[in-house]
Amino acid sequence: MHVEDSKYNKTRCEDLLPCDLRHLGWNSFFEKEFLGLNRPSLAPARVVEEFKGWHRVRTAQGEYLAKIAGRVRYEAEDRDDLPAVGDWVGITPRPEGGRARIECILSRRTKLSRKVAGREQSEQIMATNLDTVFVVGSLNREFNARRIERYLTLVYESGARPVVLLNKADLCPGSSIAATTVEGIALGGSGVAARASRARRG
């Protein structure tokens, strides 16, 4: 990918505005580990987007387009050892070019992933360090309790707290029955809310 010609290389003014890292999920858990690195040249950042060969990261000073350091990539034994969306990482920023290099990955508190079918089953990480995951399902003809159950299993295994949102309740006469069904498979650990859809009137 030729970055100079890529849309990912474009930095908006608002992307460079400072922010409080706590608004991105930074807490004492990550701060303690980061300080333990004892590498004052690094800045903490959260991965907010991932695409081929690059990661977009957010720091207290602004947003950067980052590449993984060669050492990190060399020492990675599998995909789990590389940055994913949601990860907190230590970066070496280059503010003048809006670029950065990812030098390390902080420990993950939660990890939302799934198995990918193939000759050898591999893990696909969807996001990390999530506290709450919303599982959205429709109460119309597409309602599938088993599918919601599979999603809930993924969230429970990740360590995050699932919350089920059932929409289009106004289009389903048996919405309360469906909600009760979902509550029965939610293991008592998640909230279940049914909401009406806003149909557009012509």
N, C-alpha and C. Protein backbone atom coordinates (compact mmCIF):
# COMPACT_ATOMS: atom_id res chain seq x y z
N MET A 1 0.85 -1.20 0.00
CA MET A 1 0.00 0.00 0.00
C MET A 1 0.88 1.24 0.00
N HIS A 2 0.61 2.15 -0.88
CA HIS A 2 1.36 3.40 -0.96
C HIS A 2 0.69 4.42 -0.05
N VAL A 3 1.28 4.64 1.12
CA VAL A 3 0.61 5.42 2.17
C VAL A 3 0.40 6.86 1.75
N GLU A 4 1.35 7.40 1.02
CA GLU A 4 1.21 8.81 0.65
C GLU A 4 -0.05 9.07 -0.16
N ASP A 5 -0.51 8.04 -0.89
CA ASP A 5 -1.70 8.21 -1.70
C ASP A 5 -2.94 7.62 -1.04
N SER A 6 -2.81 7.18 0.20
CA SER A 6 -3.92 6.50 0.87
C SER A 6 -4.76 7.48 1.67
N LYS A 7 -6.05 7.18 1.74
CA LYS A 7 -6.95 8.00 2.55
C LYS A 7 -6.60 7.91 4.01
N TYR A 8 -5.92 6.80 4.42
CA TYR A 8 -5.57 6.61 5.82
C TYR A 8 -4.49 7.58 6.27
N ASN A 9 -3.78 8.17 5.33
CA ASN A 9 -2.70 9.07 5.67
C ASN A 9 -3.18 10.48 5.95
N LYS A 10 -4.43 10.76 5.64
CA LYS A 10 -4.96 12.11 5.82
C LYS A 10 -5.32 12.33 7.29
N THR A 11 -4.79 13.39 7.87
CA THR A 11 -5.02 13.70 9.28
C THR A 11 -5.86 14.97 9.37
N ARG A 12 -6.99 14.86 10.02
CA ARG A 12 -7.85 16.02 10.20
C ARG A 12 -7.37 16.85 11.39
N CYS A 13 -7.72 18.11 11.41
CA CYS A 13 -7.29 18.98 12.51
C CYS A 13 -7.83 18.47 13.84
N GLU A 14 -9.08 17.99 13.85
CA GLU A 14 -9.66 17.56 15.12
C GLU A 14 -8.97 16.32 15.66
N ASP A 15 -8.29 15.55 14.79
CA ASP A 15 -7.58 14.36 15.24
C ASP A 15 -6.37 14.72 16.10
N LEU A 16 -5.89 15.94 15.98
CA LEU A 16 -4.69 16.35 16.69
C LEU A 16 -5.00 17.03 18.02
N LEU A 17 -6.26 17.18 18.36
CA LEU A 17 -6.61 17.84 19.60
C LEU A 17 -6.29 16.95 20.79
N PRO A 18 -5.73 17.51 21.89
CA PRO A 18 -5.43 16.72 23.08
C PRO A 18 -6.71 16.15 23.69
N CYS A 19 -6.56 15.03 24.39
CA CYS A 19 -7.70 14.44 25.08
C CYS A 19 -7.23 13.78 26.36
N ASP A 20 -8.16 13.52 27.26
CA ASP A 20 -7.86 12.83 28.51
C ASP A 20 -7.89 11.34 28.22
N LEU A 21 -6.79 10.63 28.51
CA LEU A 21 -6.71 9.21 28.21
C LEU A 21 -7.78 8.40 28.94
N ARG A 22 -8.27 8.92 30.06
CA ARG A 22 -9.31 8.20 30.79
C ARG A 22 -10.58 8.08 29.96
N HIS A 23 -10.80 9.04 29.06
CA HIS A 23 -11.96 8.97 28.19
C HIS A 23 -11.82 7.85 27.15
N LEU A 24 -10.60 7.35 26.98
CA LEU A 24 -10.35 6.25 26.05
C LEU A 24 -10.29 4.91 26.76
N GLY A 25 -10.42 4.92 28.10
CA GLY A 25 -10.39 3.67 28.85
C GLY A 25 -9.13 3.47 29.69
N TRP A 26 -8.25 4.46 29.71
CA TRP A 26 -7.02 4.36 30.50
C TRP A 26 -7.36 4.34 31.99
N ASN A 27 -6.72 3.43 32.74
CA ASN A 27 -6.98 3.35 34.17
C ASN A 27 -5.72 2.91 34.91
N SER A 28 -5.84 2.67 36.21
CA SER A 28 -4.67 2.33 37.02
C SER A 28 -4.02 1.03 36.59
N PHE A 29 -4.80 0.10 36.05
CA PHE A 29 -4.26 -1.19 35.60
C PHE A 29 -3.22 -0.97 34.51
N PHE A 30 -3.57 -0.20 33.50
CA PHE A 30 -2.66 0.05 32.39
C PHE A 30 -1.53 1.01 32.79
N GLU A 31 -1.86 1.98 33.62
CA GLU A 31 -0.85 2.95 34.05
C GLU A 31 0.27 2.27 34.83
N LYS A 32 -0.10 1.34 35.72
CA LYS A 32 0.91 0.63 36.52
C LYS A 32 1.85 -0.16 35.63
N GLU A 33 1.29 -0.86 34.64
CA GLU A 33 2.13 -1.66 33.75
C GLU A 33 3.01 -0.76 32.88
N PHE A 34 2.43 0.34 32.40
CA PHE A 34 3.20 1.24 31.54
C PHE A 34 4.38 1.84 32.30
N LEU A 35 4.14 2.28 33.52
CA LEU A 35 5.22 2.85 34.33
C LEU A 35 6.28 1.79 34.63
N GLY A 36 5.85 0.53 34.76
CA GLY A 36 6.79 -0.55 35.03
C GLY A 36 7.74 -0.82 33.88
N LEU A 37 7.40 -0.36 32.69
CA LEU A 37 8.30 -0.53 31.55
C LEU A 37 9.57 0.29 31.71
N ASN A 38 9.44 1.40 32.44
CA ASN A 38 10.57 2.30 32.68
C ASN A 38 11.23 2.73 31.36
N ARG A 39 10.38 3.13 30.45
CA ARG A 39 10.86 3.61 29.15
C ARG A 39 10.24 4.98 28.89
N PRO A 40 10.87 6.04 29.45
CA PRO A 40 10.30 7.39 29.37
C PRO A 40 10.15 7.92 27.95
N SER A 41 10.80 7.31 26.98
CA SER A 41 10.69 7.81 25.60
C SER A 41 9.38 7.38 24.95
N LEU A 42 8.68 6.41 25.55
CA LEU A 42 7.44 5.92 24.97
C LEU A 42 6.23 6.72 25.45
N ALA A 43 5.20 6.74 24.64
CA ALA A 43 3.94 7.38 25.00
C ALA A 43 2.84 6.32 24.93
N PRO A 44 1.89 6.33 25.89
CA PRO A 44 0.80 5.37 25.82
C PRO A 44 -0.20 5.77 24.74
N ALA A 45 -0.74 4.78 24.04
CA ALA A 45 -1.71 5.04 22.97
C ALA A 45 -2.66 3.87 22.87
N ARG A 46 -3.88 4.14 22.39
CA ARG A 46 -4.84 3.06 22.18
C ARG A 46 -5.08 2.87 20.69
N VAL A 47 -5.09 1.62 20.26
CA VAL A 47 -5.35 1.30 18.86
C VAL A 47 -6.83 1.49 18.58
N VAL A 48 -7.17 2.36 17.64
CA VAL A 48 -8.57 2.64 17.34
C VAL A 48 -8.98 2.14 15.96
N GLU A 49 -8.00 1.76 15.14
CA GLU A 49 -8.32 1.24 13.81
C GLU A 49 -7.15 0.41 13.31
N GLU A 50 -7.48 -0.63 12.58
CA GLU A 50 -6.44 -1.51 12.04
C GLU A 50 -6.72 -1.78 10.56
N PHE A 51 -5.69 -1.65 9.73
CA PHE A 51 -5.81 -1.98 8.32
C PHE A 51 -4.46 -2.49 7.85
N LYS A 52 -4.39 -2.98 6.66
CA LYS A 52 -3.22 -3.70 6.19
C LYS A 52 -1.92 -2.92 6.36
N GLY A 53 -1.08 -3.43 7.27
CA GLY A 53 0.25 -2.85 7.46
C GLY A 53 0.31 -1.66 8.39
N TRP A 54 -0.85 -1.12 8.82
CA TRP A 54 -0.85 0.09 9.63
C TRP A 54 -1.90 0.00 10.74
N HIS A 55 -1.70 0.83 11.76
CA HIS A 55 -2.67 0.97 12.84
C HIS A 55 -2.86 2.46 13.11
N ARG A 56 -4.08 2.84 13.35
CA ARG A 56 -4.34 4.22 13.79
C ARG A 56 -4.43 4.19 15.31
N VAL A 57 -3.63 5.02 15.97
CA VAL A 57 -3.58 5.04 17.44
C VAL A 57 -3.91 6.42 17.96
N ARG A 58 -4.46 6.46 19.16
CA ARG A 58 -4.87 7.73 19.78
C ARG A 58 -4.09 7.92 21.07
N THR A 59 -3.48 9.07 21.24
CA THR A 59 -2.72 9.42 22.44
C THR A 59 -3.33 10.65 23.08
N ALA A 60 -2.77 11.07 24.20
CA ALA A 60 -3.25 12.28 24.86
C ALA A 60 -2.98 13.51 24.00
N GLN A 61 -1.97 13.42 23.12
CA GLN A 61 -1.60 14.58 22.28
C GLN A 61 -2.32 14.59 20.94
N GLY A 62 -2.82 13.46 20.50
CA GLY A 62 -3.48 13.43 19.21
C GLY A 62 -3.44 12.04 18.60
N GLU A 63 -3.69 11.97 17.30
CA GLU A 63 -3.80 10.70 16.59
C GLU A 63 -2.61 10.51 15.66
N TYR A 64 -2.16 9.24 15.58
CA TYR A 64 -1.02 8.92 14.73
C TYR A 64 -1.31 7.71 13.86
N LEU A 65 -0.61 7.66 12.74
CA LEU A 65 -0.61 6.48 11.90
C LEU A 65 0.65 5.70 12.27
N ALA A 66 0.47 4.46 12.76
CA ALA A 66 1.60 3.74 13.35
C ALA A 66 1.89 2.43 12.64
N LYS A 67 3.18 2.08 12.64
CA LYS A 67 3.64 0.79 12.14
C LYS A 67 4.18 0.00 13.32
N ILE A 68 4.11 -1.32 13.21
CA ILE A 68 4.64 -2.19 14.26
C ILE A 68 6.16 -2.24 14.14
N ALA A 69 6.86 -2.10 15.27
CA ALA A 69 8.31 -2.19 15.26
C ALA A 69 8.73 -3.58 14.80
N GLY A 70 9.85 -3.64 14.09
CA GLY A 70 10.33 -4.91 13.56
C GLY A 70 10.57 -5.94 14.66
N ARG A 71 11.04 -5.50 15.81
CA ARG A 71 11.31 -6.43 16.92
C ARG A 71 10.03 -7.07 17.42
N VAL A 72 8.96 -6.26 17.52
CA VAL A 72 7.67 -6.78 17.99
C VAL A 72 7.14 -7.82 17.00
N ARG A 73 7.25 -7.53 15.73
CA ARG A 73 6.76 -8.46 14.72
C ARG A 73 7.61 -9.74 14.69
N TYR A 74 8.91 -9.58 14.87
CA TYR A 74 9.81 -10.73 14.84
C TYR A 74 9.55 -11.67 16.01
N GLU A 75 9.28 -11.11 17.20
CA GLU A 75 9.08 -11.92 18.40
C GLU A 75 7.67 -12.50 18.50
N ALA A 76 6.75 -12.05 17.65
CA ALA A 76 5.37 -12.54 17.70
C ALA A 76 5.31 -13.99 17.21
N GLU A 77 4.74 -14.85 18.02
CA GLU A 77 4.61 -16.26 17.65
C GLU A 77 3.34 -16.51 16.86
N ASP A 78 2.30 -15.70 17.10
CA ASP A 78 1.06 -15.83 16.33
C ASP A 78 0.35 -14.48 16.33
N ARG A 79 -0.85 -14.44 15.75
CA ARG A 79 -1.60 -13.18 15.62
C ARG A 79 -1.92 -12.57 16.97
N ASP A 80 -2.04 -13.39 18.00
CA ASP A 80 -2.38 -12.91 19.33
C ASP A 80 -1.30 -11.99 19.90
N ASP A 81 -0.10 -12.08 19.38
CA ASP A 81 1.02 -11.29 19.89
C ASP A 81 1.18 -9.96 19.15
N LEU A 82 0.26 -9.66 18.23
CA LEU A 82 0.32 -8.40 17.49
C LEU A 82 -0.82 -7.48 17.93
N PRO A 83 -0.69 -6.19 17.73
CA PRO A 83 -1.72 -5.24 18.18
C PRO A 83 -3.07 -5.49 17.50
N ALA A 84 -4.14 -5.27 18.27
CA ALA A 84 -5.50 -5.36 17.77
C ALA A 84 -6.26 -4.12 18.21
N VAL A 85 -7.40 -3.87 17.59
CA VAL A 85 -8.23 -2.73 17.98
C VAL A 85 -8.61 -2.85 19.45
N GLY A 86 -8.38 -1.79 20.20
CA GLY A 86 -8.66 -1.79 21.63
C GLY A 86 -7.43 -1.92 22.49
N ASP A 87 -6.33 -2.41 21.91
CA ASP A 87 -5.09 -2.59 22.67
C ASP A 87 -4.51 -1.26 23.12
N TRP A 88 -3.89 -1.28 24.28
CA TRP A 88 -3.05 -0.17 24.72
C TRP A 88 -1.62 -0.54 24.37
N VAL A 89 -0.92 0.39 23.76
CA VAL A 89 0.44 0.13 23.29
C VAL A 89 1.36 1.27 23.71
N GLY A 90 2.64 0.97 23.69
CA GLY A 90 3.65 2.00 23.89
C GLY A 90 4.22 2.39 22.54
N ILE A 91 4.23 3.66 22.21
CA ILE A 91 4.69 4.09 20.89
C ILE A 91 5.83 5.11 20.98
N THR A 92 6.59 5.15 19.92
CA THR A 92 7.54 6.24 19.72
C THR A 92 6.92 7.17 18.68
N PRO A 93 6.44 8.33 19.11
CA PRO A 93 5.74 9.22 18.17
C PRO A 93 6.69 10.08 17.35
N ARG A 94 6.25 10.42 16.16
CA ARG A 94 6.94 11.38 15.31
C ARG A 94 5.92 12.46 14.94
N PRO A 95 5.71 13.42 15.83
CA PRO A 95 4.64 14.42 15.65
C PRO A 95 4.74 15.18 14.34
N GLU A 96 5.96 15.41 13.87
CA GLU A 96 6.11 16.23 12.67
C GLU A 96 5.50 15.56 11.44
N GLY A 97 5.42 14.23 11.44
CA GLY A 97 4.85 13.54 10.29
C GLY A 97 3.55 12.84 10.58
N GLY A 98 3.07 12.97 11.82
CA GLY A 98 1.84 12.30 12.19
C GLY A 98 1.98 10.79 12.21
N ARG A 99 3.22 10.30 12.35
CA ARG A 99 3.49 8.88 12.34
C ARG A 99 4.00 8.42 13.70
N ALA A 100 4.03 7.10 13.91
CA ALA A 100 4.54 6.55 15.15
C ALA A 100 4.96 5.11 14.91
N ARG A 101 5.71 4.56 15.86
CA ARG A 101 6.11 3.16 15.80
C ARG A 101 5.65 2.46 17.08
N ILE A 102 4.95 1.35 16.94
CA ILE A 102 4.46 0.59 18.09
C ILE A 102 5.59 -0.28 18.62
N GLU A 103 6.01 0.00 19.87
CA GLU A 103 7.16 -0.67 20.46
C GLU A 103 6.77 -1.83 21.37
N CYS A 104 5.57 -1.81 21.93
CA CYS A 104 5.15 -2.88 22.84
C CYS A 104 3.64 -2.84 23.02
N ILE A 105 3.08 -3.95 23.51
CA ILE A 105 1.65 -4.06 23.77
C ILE A 105 1.45 -4.33 25.25
N LEU A 106 0.60 -3.55 25.90
CA LEU A 106 0.31 -3.78 27.31
C LEU A 106 -0.64 -4.96 27.46
N SER A 107 -0.63 -5.57 28.64
CA SER A 107 -1.48 -6.73 28.90
C SER A 107 -2.94 -6.39 28.66
N ARG A 108 -3.69 -7.37 28.16
CA ARG A 108 -5.11 -7.18 27.87
C ARG A 108 -5.95 -7.61 29.06
N ARG A 109 -6.94 -6.79 29.38
CA ARG A 109 -7.87 -7.17 30.44
C ARG A 109 -8.96 -8.10 29.90
N THR A 110 -9.42 -7.84 28.69
CA THR A 110 -10.40 -8.69 28.04
C THR A 110 -10.02 -8.84 26.58
N LYS A 111 -10.53 -9.91 25.95
CA LYS A 111 -10.21 -10.14 24.54
C LYS A 111 -11.41 -10.81 23.87
N LEU A 112 -12.02 -10.11 22.94
CA LEU A 112 -13.16 -10.65 22.20
C LEU A 112 -12.62 -11.26 20.90
N SER A 113 -12.76 -12.57 20.77
CA SER A 113 -12.20 -13.25 19.61
C SER A 113 -13.09 -14.42 19.20
N ARG A 114 -12.78 -14.98 18.05
CA ARG A 114 -13.51 -16.14 17.56
C ARG A 114 -12.56 -17.03 16.76
N LYS A 115 -12.93 -18.29 16.64
CA LYS A 115 -12.13 -19.22 15.88
C LYS A 115 -12.45 -19.08 14.39
N VAL A 116 -11.42 -19.14 13.58
CA VAL A 116 -11.59 -19.05 12.14
C VAL A 116 -11.39 -20.44 11.56
N ALA A 117 -12.35 -20.91 10.80
CA ALA A 117 -12.27 -22.26 10.23
C ALA A 117 -11.19 -22.33 9.16
N GLY A 118 -10.58 -23.48 9.06
CA GLY A 118 -9.54 -23.70 8.07
C GLY A 118 -8.84 -25.00 8.37
N ARG A 119 -7.76 -25.24 7.66
CA ARG A 119 -7.00 -26.46 7.91
C ARG A 119 -6.51 -26.49 9.35
N GLU A 120 -6.04 -25.34 9.81
CA GLU A 120 -5.64 -25.20 11.20
C GLU A 120 -6.47 -24.05 11.78
N GLN A 121 -7.23 -24.38 12.81
CA GLN A 121 -8.07 -23.33 13.40
C GLN A 121 -7.21 -22.23 13.99
N SER A 122 -7.48 -21.01 13.58
CA SER A 122 -6.74 -19.86 14.11
C SER A 122 -7.71 -18.91 14.79
N GLU A 123 -7.18 -18.02 15.57
CA GLU A 123 -7.99 -17.09 16.33
C GLU A 123 -8.03 -15.73 15.65
N GLN A 124 -9.22 -15.18 15.52
CA GLN A 124 -9.39 -13.83 14.99
C GLN A 124 -9.81 -12.93 16.12
N ILE A 125 -8.96 -11.97 16.47
CA ILE A 125 -9.26 -11.02 17.53
C ILE A 125 -10.10 -9.89 16.95
N MET A 126 -11.28 -9.68 17.51
CA MET A 126 -12.16 -8.62 17.03
C MET A 126 -11.92 -7.30 17.77
N ALA A 127 -11.67 -7.38 19.08
CA ALA A 127 -11.40 -6.19 19.88
C ALA A 127 -10.91 -6.63 21.25
N THR A 128 -10.19 -5.73 21.91
CA THR A 128 -9.66 -6.04 23.24
C THR A 128 -10.01 -4.93 24.23
N ASN A 129 -9.83 -5.25 25.50
CA ASN A 129 -10.02 -4.29 26.60
C ASN A 129 -11.40 -3.63 26.58
N LEU A 130 -12.41 -4.46 26.36
CA LEU A 130 -13.79 -3.98 26.38
C LEU A 130 -14.40 -4.28 27.74
N ASP A 131 -15.13 -3.33 28.31
CA ASP A 131 -15.83 -3.55 29.56
C ASP A 131 -17.24 -4.09 29.31
N THR A 132 -17.92 -3.52 28.31
CA THR A 132 -19.29 -3.89 27.99
C THR A 132 -19.43 -4.09 26.49
N VAL A 133 -20.11 -5.15 26.09
CA VAL A 133 -20.36 -5.43 24.68
C VAL A 133 -21.86 -5.53 24.46
N PHE A 134 -22.38 -4.75 23.52
CA PHE A 134 -23.80 -4.78 23.20
C PHE A 134 -24.07 -5.81 22.11
N VAL A 135 -24.94 -6.75 22.40
CA VAL A 135 -25.37 -7.76 21.43
C VAL A 135 -26.76 -7.34 20.94
N VAL A 136 -26.85 -6.96 19.68
CA VAL A 136 -28.11 -6.42 19.13
C VAL A 136 -28.79 -7.49 18.28
N GLY A 137 -30.07 -7.71 18.56
CA GLY A 137 -30.85 -8.67 17.79
C GLY A 137 -32.20 -8.10 17.42
N SER A 138 -32.73 -8.54 16.30
CA SER A 138 -34.03 -8.07 15.85
C SER A 138 -35.13 -9.02 16.29
N LEU A 139 -36.27 -8.48 16.70
CA LEU A 139 -37.39 -9.30 17.14
C LEU A 139 -38.34 -9.67 16.01
N ASN A 140 -38.03 -9.26 14.79
CA ASN A 140 -38.91 -9.63 13.67
C ASN A 140 -38.58 -11.04 13.19
N ARG A 141 -38.80 -11.32 11.94
CA ARG A 141 -38.60 -12.67 11.43
C ARG A 141 -37.15 -13.13 11.50
N GLU A 142 -36.22 -12.19 11.69
CA GLU A 142 -34.81 -12.54 11.76
C GLU A 142 -34.39 -12.97 13.16
N PHE A 143 -35.30 -12.94 14.11
CA PHE A 143 -34.96 -13.30 15.49
C PHE A 143 -34.45 -14.74 15.55
N ASN A 144 -33.30 -14.91 16.20
CA ASN A 144 -32.68 -16.23 16.31
C ASN A 144 -32.02 -16.32 17.67
N ALA A 145 -32.67 -17.02 18.60
CA ALA A 145 -32.17 -17.12 19.96
C ALA A 145 -30.83 -17.84 20.01
N ARG A 146 -30.64 -18.85 19.17
CA ARG A 146 -29.39 -19.59 19.16
C ARG A 146 -28.22 -18.72 18.73
N ARG A 147 -28.48 -17.85 17.76
CA ARG A 147 -27.42 -16.95 17.31
C ARG A 147 -27.03 -15.99 18.42
N ILE A 148 -28.02 -15.45 19.13
CA ILE A 148 -27.74 -14.57 20.26
C ILE A 148 -26.97 -15.31 21.33
N GLU A 149 -27.33 -16.58 21.55
CA GLU A 149 -26.62 -17.38 22.55
C GLU A 149 -25.15 -17.55 22.18
N ARG A 150 -24.87 -17.75 20.89
CA ARG A 150 -23.48 -17.89 20.46
C ARG A 150 -22.71 -16.60 20.68
N TYR A 151 -23.35 -15.47 20.39
CA TYR A 151 -22.70 -14.18 20.62
C TYR A 151 -22.43 -13.96 22.11
N LEU A 152 -23.40 -14.33 22.94
CA LEU A 152 -23.23 -14.17 24.38
C LEU A 152 -22.08 -15.02 24.88
N THR A 153 -21.95 -16.21 24.34
CA THR A 153 -20.84 -17.08 24.74
C THR A 153 -19.50 -16.44 24.44
N LEU A 154 -19.39 -15.83 23.24
CA LEU A 154 -18.15 -15.14 22.87
C LEU A 154 -17.83 -14.01 23.85
N VAL A 155 -18.87 -13.25 24.22
CA VAL A 155 -18.64 -12.12 25.12
C VAL A 155 -18.26 -12.59 26.51
N TYR A 156 -18.97 -13.60 27.03
CA TYR A 156 -18.63 -14.13 28.35
C TYR A 156 -17.19 -14.64 28.38
N GLU A 157 -16.79 -15.34 27.32
CA GLU A 157 -15.42 -15.88 27.27
C GLU A 157 -14.38 -14.78 27.17
N SER A 158 -14.78 -13.63 26.66
CA SER A 158 -13.83 -12.52 26.53
C SER A 158 -13.51 -11.87 27.87
N GLY A 159 -14.43 -12.02 28.84
CA GLY A 159 -14.25 -11.36 30.13
C GLY A 159 -15.04 -10.07 30.25
N ALA A 160 -15.70 -9.66 29.17
CA ALA A 160 -16.51 -8.44 29.20
C ALA A 160 -17.93 -8.75 29.66
N ARG A 161 -18.72 -7.71 29.90
CA ARG A 161 -20.10 -7.86 30.33
C ARG A 161 -21.01 -7.63 29.13
N PRO A 162 -21.84 -8.63 28.78
CA PRO A 162 -22.75 -8.44 27.64
C PRO A 162 -24.05 -7.76 28.04
N VAL A 163 -24.57 -6.96 27.14
CA VAL A 163 -25.90 -6.36 27.29
C VAL A 163 -26.65 -6.63 25.98
N VAL A 164 -27.80 -7.27 26.07
CA VAL A 164 -28.57 -7.62 24.88
C VAL A 164 -29.60 -6.54 24.59
N LEU A 165 -29.61 -6.05 23.35
CA LEU A 165 -30.61 -5.09 22.90
C LEU A 165 -31.45 -5.76 21.82
N LEU A 166 -32.76 -5.86 22.07
CA LEU A 166 -33.67 -6.45 21.09
C LEU A 166 -34.51 -5.33 20.48
N ASN A 167 -34.31 -5.05 19.20
CA ASN A 167 -35.03 -3.94 18.58
C ASN A 167 -36.22 -4.43 17.75
N LYS A 168 -36.95 -3.48 17.17
CA LYS A 168 -38.16 -3.73 16.38
C LYS A 168 -39.25 -4.43 17.20
N ALA A 169 -39.33 -4.06 18.49
CA ALA A 169 -40.34 -4.66 19.36
C ALA A 169 -41.76 -4.32 18.91
N ASP A 170 -41.92 -3.14 18.27
CA ASP A 170 -43.26 -2.73 17.83
C ASP A 170 -43.75 -3.53 16.62
N LEU A 171 -42.84 -4.26 15.99
CA LEU A 171 -43.21 -5.05 14.82
C LEU A 171 -43.40 -6.52 15.15
N CYS A 172 -43.25 -6.86 16.43
CA CYS A 172 -43.33 -8.26 16.83
C CYS A 172 -44.33 -8.41 17.97
N PRO A 173 -45.51 -9.00 17.71
CA PRO A 173 -46.52 -9.17 18.76
C PRO A 173 -46.02 -9.98 19.95
N GLY A 174 -45.12 -10.90 19.74
CA GLY A 174 -44.63 -11.76 20.83
C GLY A 174 -43.29 -11.30 21.38
N SER A 175 -43.06 -9.99 21.41
CA SER A 175 -41.75 -9.48 21.83
C SER A 175 -41.42 -9.85 23.27
N SER A 176 -42.43 -9.83 24.16
CA SER A 176 -42.17 -10.15 25.57
C SER A 176 -41.76 -11.60 25.73
N ILE A 177 -42.34 -12.49 24.92
CA ILE A 177 -41.97 -13.91 24.98
C ILE A 177 -40.53 -14.10 24.51
N ALA A 178 -40.18 -13.41 23.42
CA ALA A 178 -38.81 -13.50 22.91
C ALA A 178 -37.81 -12.96 23.91
N ALA A 179 -38.16 -11.85 24.57
CA ALA A 179 -37.26 -11.27 25.57
C ALA A 179 -37.05 -12.23 26.72
N THR A 180 -38.13 -12.92 27.13
CA THR A 180 -38.03 -13.90 28.21
C THR A 180 -37.13 -15.06 27.79
N THR A 181 -37.22 -15.46 26.53
CA THR A 181 -36.36 -16.53 26.01
C THR A 181 -34.90 -16.14 26.09
N VAL A 182 -34.60 -14.91 25.70
CA VAL A 182 -33.22 -14.44 25.72
C VAL A 182 -32.72 -14.32 27.16
N GLU A 183 -33.58 -13.85 28.06
CA GLU A 183 -33.19 -13.76 29.46
C GLU A 183 -32.82 -15.14 30.01
N GLY A 184 -33.49 -16.16 29.50
CA GLY A 184 -33.22 -17.51 29.97
C GLY A 184 -31.87 -18.05 29.55
N ILE A 185 -31.32 -17.52 28.44
CA ILE A 185 -30.02 -18.00 27.97
C ILE A 185 -28.90 -17.05 28.34
N ALA A 186 -29.23 -15.95 29.01
CA ALA A 186 -28.23 -14.93 29.30
C ALA A 186 -27.47 -15.20 30.59
N LEU A 187 -27.71 -16.32 31.25
CA LEU A 187 -26.97 -16.73 32.44
C LEU A 187 -27.09 -15.75 33.59
N GLY A 188 -28.05 -14.86 33.48
CA GLY A 188 -28.27 -13.90 34.57
C GLY A 188 -27.21 -12.83 34.67
N GLY A 189 -26.27 -12.79 33.72
CA GLY A 189 -25.18 -11.84 33.83
C GLY A 189 -25.31 -10.63 32.95
N SER A 190 -26.33 -10.59 32.12
CA SER A 190 -26.44 -9.46 31.20
C SER A 190 -27.82 -8.84 31.30
N GLY A 191 -27.88 -7.57 30.96
CA GLY A 191 -29.16 -6.90 30.90
C GLY A 191 -29.79 -7.17 29.54
N VAL A 192 -31.11 -7.28 29.50
CA VAL A 192 -31.82 -7.48 28.24
C VAL A 192 -32.84 -6.38 28.10
N ALA A 193 -32.78 -5.65 27.00
CA ALA A 193 -33.71 -4.56 26.78
C ALA A 193 -34.36 -4.70 25.42
N ALA A 194 -35.66 -4.54 25.36
CA ALA A 194 -36.39 -4.56 24.07
C ALA A 194 -36.79 -3.14 23.74
N ARG A 195 -36.56 -2.74 22.51
CA ARG A 195 -36.90 -1.37 22.13
C ARG A 195 -37.65 -1.38 20.82
N ALA A 196 -38.49 -0.40 20.65
CA ALA A 196 -39.30 -0.29 19.43
C ALA A 196 -38.49 0.38 18.34
N SER A 197 -38.73 -0.01 17.11
CA SER A 197 -38.09 0.64 15.98
C SER A 197 -38.89 1.85 15.58
N ARG A 198 -38.22 2.78 14.93
CA ARG A 198 -38.89 3.98 14.44
C ARG A 198 -39.10 3.84 12.95
N ALA A 199 -40.25 3.37 12.60
CA ALA A 199 -40.54 3.17 11.17
C ALA A 199 -40.80 4.51 10.51
N ARG A 200 -40.23 4.67 9.31
CA ARG A 200 -40.46 5.90 8.56
C ARG A 200 -41.79 5.83 7.85
N ARG A 201 -42.55 6.84 8.03
CA ARG A 201 -43.85 6.92 7.37
C ARG A 201 -43.74 7.71 6.08
N GLY A 202 -44.31 7.15 5.04
CA GLY A 202 -44.24 7.85 3.76
C GLY A 202 -45.32 8.91 3.67
